[in-house]
C-alpha atoms as a PDB file:
ATOM      1  CA  MET A   1    -122.181-128.066 152.518  1.00  0.00           C
ATOM      2  CA  GLU A   2    -118.760-129.364 151.346  1.00  0.00           C
ATOM      3  CA  ASP A   3    -115.770-126.979 151.212  1.00  0.00           C
ATOM      4  CA  PHE A   4    -115.458-127.569 147.555  1.00  0.00           C
ATOM      5  CA  GLU A   5    -119.209-126.648 146.730  1.00  0.00           C
ATOM      6  CA  ALA A   6    -119.024-123.506 148.774  1.00  0.00           C
ATOM      7  CA  ALA A   7    -115.779-122.528 146.783  1.00  0.00           C
ATOM      8  CA  ALA A   8    -117.239-123.292 143.589  1.00  0.00           C
ATOM      9  CA  LEU A   9    -120.469-121.453 144.430  1.00  0.00           C
ATOM     10  CA  ALA A  10    -118.428-118.456 145.500  1.00  0.00           C
ATOM     11  CA  VAL A  11    -117.059-118.410 141.928  1.00  0.00           C
ATOM     12  CA  LEU A  12    -120.604-118.380 140.415  1.00  0.00           C
ATOM     13  CA  ASP A  13    -121.519-115.314 143.005  1.00  0.00           C
ATOM     14  CA  THR A  14    -118.371-113.509 141.894  1.00  0.00           C
ATOM     15  CA  TYR A  15    -119.093-114.009 138.290  1.00  0.00           C
ATOM     16  CA  LEU A  16    -122.725-112.736 138.553  1.00  0.00           C
ATOM     17  CA  ASP A  17    -121.487-109.637 140.353  1.00  0.00           C
ATOM     18  CA  ALA A  18    -118.958-108.956 137.727  1.00  0.00           C
ATOM     19  CA  LEU A  19    -121.451-109.371 134.972  1.00  0.00           C
ATOM     20  CA  ASN A  20    -123.940-107.015 136.558  1.00  0.00           C
ATOM     21  CA  ALA A  21    -121.137-104.535 137.085  1.00  0.00           C
ATOM     22  CA  ARG A  22    -120.078-104.968 133.290  1.00  0.00           C
ATOM     23  CA  ASP A  23    -116.540-105.688 134.550  1.00  0.00           C
ATOM     24  CA  SER A  24    -114.821-107.771 131.905  1.00  0.00           C
ATOM     25  CA  ALA A  25    -111.685-108.265 133.836  1.00  0.00           C
ATOM     26  CA  ALA A  26    -113.553-109.699 136.875  1.00  0.00           C
ATOM     27  CA  MET A  27    -115.793-111.873 134.651  1.00  0.00           C
ATOM     28  CA  ARG A  28    -112.523-113.263 133.138  1.00  0.00           C
ATOM     29  CA  ALA A  29    -110.995-113.902 136.538  1.00  0.00           C
ATOM     30  CA  CYS A  30    -113.983-116.327 137.133  1.00  0.00           C
ATOM     31  CA  PHE A  31    -113.020-118.612 134.141  1.00  0.00           C
ATOM     32  CA  HIS A  32    -110.509-121.088 133.235  1.00  0.00           C
ATOM     33  CA  PHE A  33    -109.338-120.731 129.484  1.00  0.00           C
ATOM     34  CA  PRO A  34    -110.048-122.364 127.195  1.00  0.00           C
ATOM     35  CA  HIS A  35    -113.597-121.767 128.054  1.00  0.00           C
ATOM     36  CA  TYR A  36    -116.489-123.630 126.681  1.00  0.00           C
ATOM     37  CA  ARG A  37    -120.038-122.386 125.978  1.00  0.00           C
ATOM     38  CA  PHE A  38    -122.775-124.548 124.393  1.00  0.00           C
ATOM     39  CA  PRO A  39    -125.738-122.274 123.474  1.00  0.00           C
ATOM     40  CA  GLY A  40    -128.452-124.334 121.865  1.00  0.00           C
ATOM     41  CA  GLY A  41    -126.782-126.565 119.364  1.00  0.00           C
ATOM     42  CA  ARG A  42    -123.500-124.453 118.964  1.00  0.00           C
ATOM     43  CA  VAL A  43    -120.198-124.560 120.621  1.00  0.00           C
ATOM     44  CA  GLU A  44    -118.203-121.309 121.428  1.00  0.00           C
ATOM     45  CA  VAL A  45    -114.601-121.700 122.639  1.00  0.00           C
ATOM     46  CA  PHE A  46    -112.928-118.687 124.139  1.00  0.00           C
ATOM     47  CA  GLU A  47    -109.226-119.678 123.963  1.00  0.00           C
ATOM     48  CA  THR A  48    -107.822-116.917 126.164  1.00  0.00           C
ATOM     49  CA  ALA A  49    -109.067-114.447 128.650  1.00  0.00           C
ATOM     50  CA  GLU A  50    -108.713-111.681 125.946  1.00  0.00           C
ATOM     51  CA  ASP A  51    -111.338-113.423 123.762  1.00  0.00           C
ATOM     52  CA  TYR A  52    -114.050-113.089 126.427  1.00  0.00           C
ATOM     53  CA  GLY A  53    -115.700-110.012 128.009  1.00  0.00           C
ATOM     54  CA  ILE A  54    -118.832-108.019 128.412  1.00  0.00           C
ATOM     55  CA  ASP A  55    -118.998-107.217 124.837  1.00  0.00           C
ATOM     56  CA  ASN A  56    -119.447-110.987 124.080  1.00  0.00           C
ATOM     57  CA  PHE A  57    -122.532-110.987 126.151  1.00  0.00           C
ATOM     58  CA  LEU A  58    -124.076-107.718 125.090  1.00  0.00           C
ATOM     59  CA  VAL A  59    -124.078-108.451 121.297  1.00  0.00           C
ATOM     60  CA  ARG A  60    -126.402-111.526 121.707  1.00  0.00           C
ATOM     61  CA  ASP A  61    -129.977-111.066 120.830  1.00  0.00           C
ATOM     62  CA  ASP A  62    -131.163-112.392 124.150  1.00  0.00           C
ATOM     63  CA  THR A  63    -129.525-109.432 125.929  1.00  0.00           C
ATOM     64  CA  ARG A  64    -131.133-106.692 124.322  1.00  0.00           C
ATOM     65  CA  GLY A  65    -132.440-104.403 126.912  1.00  0.00           C
ATOM     66  CA  TRP A  66    -130.549-106.105 129.813  1.00  0.00           C
ATOM     67  CA  ALA A  67    -129.844-104.350 132.923  1.00  0.00           C
ATOM     68  CA  ARG A  68    -129.023-107.151 135.463  1.00  0.00           C
ATOM     69  CA  THR A  69    -129.161-110.925 136.026  1.00  0.00           C
ATOM     70  CA  ASP A  70    -130.044-112.861 139.304  1.00  0.00           C
ATOM     71  CA  TRP A  71    -129.676-116.494 140.116  1.00  0.00           C
ATOM     72  CA  ASP A  72    -133.015-118.342 140.554  1.00  0.00           C
ATOM     73  CA  HIS A  73    -131.339-121.454 141.781  1.00  0.00           C
ATOM     74  CA  ARG A  74    -127.959-123.177 141.847  1.00  0.00           C
ATOM     75  CA  LYS A  75    -127.993-126.824 142.892  1.00  0.00           C
ATOM     76  CA  MET A  76    -124.889-129.099 142.820  1.00  0.00           C
ATOM     77  CA  VAL A  77    -125.567-132.244 140.735  1.00  0.00           C
ATOM     78  CA  HIS A  78    -122.111-133.871 141.232  1.00  0.00           C
ATOM     79  CA  GLY A  79    -119.045-132.524 142.838  1.00  0.00           C
ATOM     80  CA  ASP A  80    -115.469-133.404 144.388  1.00  0.00           C
ATOM     81  CA  ALA A  81    -112.438-131.355 145.058  1.00  0.00           C
ATOM     82  CA  GLY A  82    -111.518-131.028 141.531  1.00  0.00           C
ATOM     83  CA  LYS A  83    -114.833-130.436 139.666  1.00  0.00           C
ATOM     84  CA  VAL A  84    -118.387-129.416 140.443  1.00  0.00           C
ATOM     85  CA  HIS A  85    -121.370-129.595 138.141  1.00  0.00           C
ATOM     86  CA  PHE A  86    -124.285-127.251 138.754  1.00  0.00           C
ATOM     87  CA  ASP A  87    -127.786-127.084 137.618  1.00  0.00           C
ATOM     88  CA  VAL A  88    -128.478-123.406 137.626  1.00  0.00           C
ATOM     89  CA  GLN A  89    -131.332-121.007 136.422  1.00  0.00           C
ATOM     90  CA  PHE A  90    -131.005-117.519 136.064  1.00  0.00           C
ATOM     91  CA  THR A  91    -133.333-114.487 135.126  1.00  0.00           C
ATOM     92  CA  ARG A  92    -132.237-111.548 133.119  1.00  0.00           C
ATOM     93  CA  TYR A  93    -134.123-108.242 133.897  1.00  0.00           C
ATOM     94  CA  ARG A  94    -134.645-105.008 132.063  1.00  0.00           C
ATOM     95  CA  ALA A  95    -133.935-101.759 133.872  1.00  0.00           C
ATOM     96  CA  ASP A  96    -137.667-101.264 134.908  1.00  0.00           C
ATOM     97  CA  GLY A  97    -137.522-104.686 136.661  1.00  0.00           C
ATOM     98  CA  SER A  98    -139.515-106.661 133.851  1.00  0.00           C
ATOM     99  CA  VAL A  99    -138.189-110.074 133.005  1.00  0.00           C
ATOM    100  CA  LEU A 100    -136.082-110.243 129.776  1.00  0.00           C
ATOM    101  CA  GLY A 101    -135.628-114.003 130.015  1.00  0.00           C
ATOM    102  CA  THR A 102    -135.367-117.053 132.344  1.00  0.00           C
ATOM    103  CA  TYR A 103    -132.848-119.772 131.469  1.00  0.00           C
ATOM    104  CA  GLN A 104    -131.780-123.220 132.574  1.00  0.00           C
ATOM    105  CA  SER A 105    -128.121-124.063 132.374  1.00  0.00           C
ATOM    106  CA  LEU A 106    -125.380-126.430 133.549  1.00  0.00           C
ATOM    107  CA  TRP A 107    -122.147-125.052 134.603  1.00  0.00           C
ATOM    108  CA  VAL A 108    -118.990-126.939 135.220  1.00  0.00           C
ATOM    109  CA  VAL A 109    -116.678-125.416 137.782  1.00  0.00           C
ATOM    110  CA  THR A 110    -113.097-126.742 138.026  1.00  0.00           C
ATOM    111  CA  ASN A 111    -110.288-126.534 140.418  1.00  0.00           C
ATOM    112  CA  ARG A 112    -106.896-126.048 138.485  1.00  0.00           C
ATOM    113  CA  ASP A 113    -103.879-125.577 140.675  1.00  0.00           C
ATOM    114  CA  GLY A 114    -106.052-124.283 143.559  1.00  0.00           C
ATOM    115  CA  LYS A 115    -108.055-121.800 141.646  1.00  0.00           C
ATOM    116  CA  TRP A 116    -111.692-122.496 141.082  1.00  0.00           C
ATOM    117  CA  GLY A 117    -113.072-121.327 137.764  1.00  0.00           C
ATOM    118  CA  VAL A 118    -115.794-121.886 135.338  1.00  0.00           C
ATOM    119  CA  MET A 119    -114.642-124.274 132.598  1.00  0.00           C
ATOM    120  CA  ALA A 120    -117.896-124.796 130.793  1.00  0.00           C
ATOM    121  CA  ARG A 121    -121.538-123.638 130.467  1.00  0.00           C
ATOM    122  CA  SER A 122    -124.375-125.436 128.575  1.00  0.00           C
ATOM    123  CA  SER A 123    -127.231-123.061 128.191  1.00  0.00           C
ATOM    124  CA  TYR A 124    -130.610-122.489 126.761  1.00  0.00           C
ATOM    125  CA  ALA A 125    -129.718-118.860 126.456  1.00  0.00           C
ATOM    126  CA  GLY A 126    -128.871-117.455 123.209  1.00  0.00           C
END
């Protein structure tokens, strides 16, 4: 595994830990802003860190009853020292362990001035 792939994967792990802890500040620290999300046929732009947090996640229809999320897979599609594209799949679970939903997504993680962060996500999640 290349150093850049490991660095970008670490951001994904840190983000998921922060999401599951419902820690908005730690979630924001994993992103570059502006941050772009492409759910379905829409585009969401979070211009600044203050524009994004756990509340943005919890108000969506596809997160009702959500307790935690786990990665099913994270596969590098393309990558270099400046940018990595990941094909990912994640599953959201309810508190009782039942599946809320499983989603495929493409995540773009970039290196800006030595900091790796998620720049964009294109997802089939709501």
